Amino acid sequence: MAAASAAQEFIAVRTPREIVDRAACAAGTCGGPEARGAEAAYRWVLAPGTPAPVTGTVCEYLYDADLAAEERAALLTARDAGRSKAERRHARGVADALGWVLGFAPLND
């Protein structure tokens, strides 16, 4: 697996340009916690060495497994009824964004 970097051709199944474009769209919406979660996920993917949006894990290099682990943590947080609604919605945005980067089918639950 290749490490994520500005020179990397693909991050999971997306190009850095595709991710930058998606991040700009997320930043430009008034979508609430989901949009902010998605934007945080895209920023993290593009900037290895920064804390992950849900777990806070810092990886010098991001591999597909790191992205998938954060996506899984975000899904678990989104489904945790003990969390606030805003926190669950933020985590849902993170999960959706990372799922897109990884090429997973969109969530519909």
C-alpha atoms as a PDB file:
ATOM      1  CA  MET A   1       0.000   0.000   0.000  1.00  0.00           C
ATOM      2  CA  ALA A   2       1.270   3.447  -0.838  1.00  0.00           C
ATOM      3  CA  ALA A   3       1.467   6.252   1.697  1.00  0.00           C
ATOM      4  CA  ALA A   4      -0.736   9.290   1.190  1.00  0.00           C
ATOM      5  CA  SER A   5       1.095  12.385   0.066  1.00  0.00           C
ATOM      6  CA  ALA A   6       0.669  15.347  -2.249  1.00  0.00           C
ATOM      7  CA  ALA A   7       2.576  13.434  -4.960  1.00  0.00           C
ATOM      8  CA  GLN A   8       0.512  10.285  -4.552  1.00  0.00           C
ATOM      9  CA  GLU A   9      -1.488   9.406  -7.642  1.00  0.00           C
ATOM     10  CA  PHE A  10      -4.349   7.792  -5.684  1.00  0.00           C
ATOM     11  CA  ILE A  11      -5.530   7.798  -2.086  1.00  0.00           C
ATOM     12  CA  ALA A  12      -7.511   4.572  -1.830  1.00  0.00           C
ATOM     13  CA  VAL A  13      -9.550   4.836  -5.067  1.00  0.00           C
ATOM     14  CA  ARG A  14      -9.618   8.640  -5.415  1.00  0.00           C
ATOM     15  CA  THR A  15      -7.148  11.150  -6.745  1.00  0.00           C
ATOM     16  CA  PRO A  16      -6.037  13.971  -4.459  1.00  0.00           C
ATOM     17  CA  ARG A  17      -7.760  16.419  -6.871  1.00  0.00           C
ATOM     18  CA  GLU A  18     -11.086  14.580  -6.488  1.00  0.00           C
ATOM     19  CA  ILE A  19     -10.737  14.755  -2.705  1.00  0.00           C
ATOM     20  CA  VAL A  20      -9.847  18.464  -2.782  1.00  0.00           C
ATOM     21  CA  ASP A  21     -12.931  19.109  -4.936  1.00  0.00           C
ATOM     22  CA  ARG A  22     -15.160  17.153  -2.531  1.00  0.00           C
ATOM     23  CA  ALA A  23     -13.666  19.003   0.445  1.00  0.00           C
ATOM     24  CA  ALA A  24     -14.441  22.332  -1.228  1.00  0.00           C
ATOM     25  CA  CYS A  25     -18.033  21.232  -1.802  1.00  0.00           C
ATOM     26  CA  ALA A  26     -18.400  20.135   1.822  1.00  0.00           C
ATOM     27  CA  ALA A  27     -16.937  23.432   3.036  1.00  0.00           C
ATOM     28  CA  GLY A  28     -19.331  25.381   0.828  1.00  0.00           C
ATOM     29  CA  THR A  29     -22.523  23.726   2.056  1.00  0.00           C
ATOM     30  CA  CYS A  30     -24.699  24.600   5.005  1.00  0.00           C
ATOM     31  CA  GLY A  31     -25.178  20.916   5.750  1.00  0.00           C
ATOM     32  CA  GLY A  32     -24.546  21.101   9.468  1.00  0.00           C
ATOM     33  CA  PRO A  33     -22.590  18.488  11.392  1.00  0.00           C
ATOM     34  CA  GLU A  34     -22.497  15.990   8.496  1.00  0.00           C
ATOM     35  CA  ALA A  35     -20.843  18.487   6.150  1.00  0.00           C
ATOM     36  CA  ARG A  36     -18.367  19.534   8.853  1.00  0.00           C
ATOM     37  CA  GLY A  37     -17.576  15.869   9.504  1.00  0.00           C
ATOM     38  CA  ALA A  38     -17.016  15.217   5.808  1.00  0.00           C
ATOM     39  CA  GLU A  39     -14.800  18.277   5.513  1.00  0.00           C
ATOM     40  CA  ALA A  40     -12.752  17.127   8.530  1.00  0.00           C
ATOM     41  CA  ALA A  41     -12.336  13.682   6.978  1.00  0.00           C
ATOM     42  CA  TYR A  42     -11.165  15.080   3.643  1.00  0.00           C
ATOM     43  CA  ARG A  43      -8.690  17.422   5.377  1.00  0.00           C
ATOM     44  CA  TRP A  44      -7.291  14.485   7.373  1.00  0.00           C
ATOM     45  CA  VAL A  45      -6.904  12.317   4.272  1.00  0.00           C
ATOM     46  CA  LEU A  46      -5.015  15.106   2.515  1.00  0.00           C
ATOM     47  CA  ALA A  47      -2.778  15.909   5.507  1.00  0.00           C
ATOM     48  CA  PRO A  48      -1.173  12.794   7.020  1.00  0.00           C
ATOM     49  CA  GLY A  49       0.387  13.430  10.419  1.00  0.00           C
ATOM     50  CA  THR A  50      -2.693  15.274  11.697  1.00  0.00           C
ATOM     51  CA  PRO A  51      -5.253  13.821  14.147  1.00  0.00           C
ATOM     52  CA  ALA A  52      -8.025  11.706  12.660  1.00  0.00           C
ATOM     53  CA  PRO A  53     -11.476  13.335  12.891  1.00  0.00           C
ATOM     54  CA  VAL A  54     -13.099  10.743  15.179  1.00  0.00           C
ATOM     55  CA  THR A  55     -10.386   8.765  16.961  1.00  0.00           C
ATOM     56  CA  GLY A  56      -7.671  11.422  17.021  1.00  0.00           C
ATOM     57  CA  THR A  57      -5.153   8.839  15.821  1.00  0.00           C
ATOM     58  CA  VAL A  58      -2.090  10.357  14.150  1.00  0.00           C
ATOM     59  CA  CYS A  59      -0.424   8.437  11.305  1.00  0.00           C
ATOM     60  CA  GLU A  60       2.622   9.752   9.490  1.00  0.00           C
ATOM     61  CA  TYR A  61       1.481   7.783   6.438  1.00  0.00           C
ATOM     62  CA  LEU A  62      -2.112   6.882   5.685  1.00  0.00           C
ATOM     63  CA  TYR A  63      -2.785   3.460   4.278  1.00  0.00           C
ATOM     64  CA  ASP A  64      -6.128   2.076   3.137  1.00  0.00           C
ATOM     65  CA  ALA A  65      -6.344   0.123   6.407  1.00  0.00           C
ATOM     66  CA  ASP A  66      -5.979   3.366   8.407  1.00  0.00           C
ATOM     67  CA  LEU A  67      -8.769   4.968   6.387  1.00  0.00           C
ATOM     68  CA  ALA A  68     -10.968   1.905   6.861  1.00  0.00           C
ATOM     69  CA  ALA A  69     -10.303   1.799  10.622  1.00  0.00           C
ATOM     70  CA  GLU A  70     -11.290   5.457  10.981  1.00  0.00           C
ATOM     71  CA  GLU A  71     -14.371   4.887   8.812  1.00  0.00           C
ATOM     72  CA  ARG A  72     -15.363   1.966  11.068  1.00  0.00           C
ATOM     73  CA  ALA A  73     -14.827   4.063  14.220  1.00  0.00           C
ATOM     74  CA  ALA A  74     -16.958   6.816  12.687  1.00  0.00           C
ATOM     75  CA  LEU A  75     -19.744   4.321  11.916  1.00  0.00           C
ATOM     76  CA  LEU A  76     -19.680   3.028  15.476  1.00  0.00           C
ATOM     77  CA  THR A  77     -19.815   6.583  16.841  1.00  0.00           C
ATOM     78  CA  ALA A  78     -22.667   7.472  14.460  1.00  0.00           C
ATOM     79  CA  ARG A  79     -24.680   4.516  15.777  1.00  0.00           C
ATOM     80  CA  ASP A  80     -23.914   5.096  19.480  1.00  0.00           C
ATOM     81  CA  ALA A  81     -27.167   6.245  21.083  1.00  0.00           C
ATOM     82  CA  GLY A  82     -25.184   7.428  24.110  1.00  0.00           C
ATOM     83  CA  ARG A  83     -23.598  10.205  22.021  1.00  0.00           C
ATOM     84  CA  SER A  84     -25.210  13.548  21.303  1.00  0.00           C
ATOM     85  CA  LYS A  85     -27.153  13.913  18.066  1.00  0.00           C
ATOM     86  CA  ALA A  86     -24.639  16.466  16.747  1.00  0.00           C
ATOM     87  CA  GLU A  87     -21.706  14.146  17.503  1.00  0.00           C
ATOM     88  CA  ARG A  88     -23.454  11.230  15.784  1.00  0.00           C
ATOM     89  CA  ARG A  89     -24.240  13.368  12.725  1.00  0.00           C
ATOM     90  CA  HIS A  90     -20.632  14.627  12.568  1.00  0.00           C
ATOM     91  CA  ALA A  91     -19.393  11.023  12.709  1.00  0.00           C
ATOM     92  CA  ARG A  92     -21.858  10.074   9.965  1.00  0.00           C
ATOM     93  CA  GLY A  93     -20.334  12.767   7.738  1.00  0.00           C
ATOM     94  CA  VAL A  94     -16.860  11.402   8.473  1.00  0.00           C
ATOM     95  CA  ALA A  95     -17.983   7.839   7.696  1.00  0.00           C
ATOM     96  CA  ASP A  96     -19.681   8.848   4.455  1.00  0.00           C
ATOM     97  CA  ALA A  97     -16.627  10.822   3.295  1.00  0.00           C
ATOM     98  CA  LEU A  98     -14.133   8.085   4.126  1.00  0.00           C
ATOM     99  CA  GLY A  99     -16.395   5.477   2.557  1.00  0.00           C
ATOM    100  CA  TRP A 100     -16.401   7.545  -0.631  1.00  0.00           C
ATOM    101  CA  VAL A 101     -12.593   7.856  -0.590  1.00  0.00           C
ATOM    102  CA  LEU A 102     -12.342   4.085  -0.142  1.00  0.00           C
ATOM    103  CA  GLY A 103     -14.871   3.417  -2.918  1.00  0.00           C
ATOM    104  CA  PHE A 104     -17.521   1.875  -0.651  1.00  0.00           C
ATOM    105  CA  ALA A 105     -21.178   2.010  -1.621  1.00  0.00           C
ATOM    106  CA  PRO A 106     -23.048   4.946   0.001  1.00  0.00           C
ATOM    107  CA  LEU A 107     -24.675   4.283   3.361  1.00  0.00           C
ATOM    108  CA  ASN A 108     -28.445   4.280   3.373  1.00  0.00           C
ATOM    109  CA  ASP A 109     -29.359   3.536   6.996  1.00  0.00           C
END
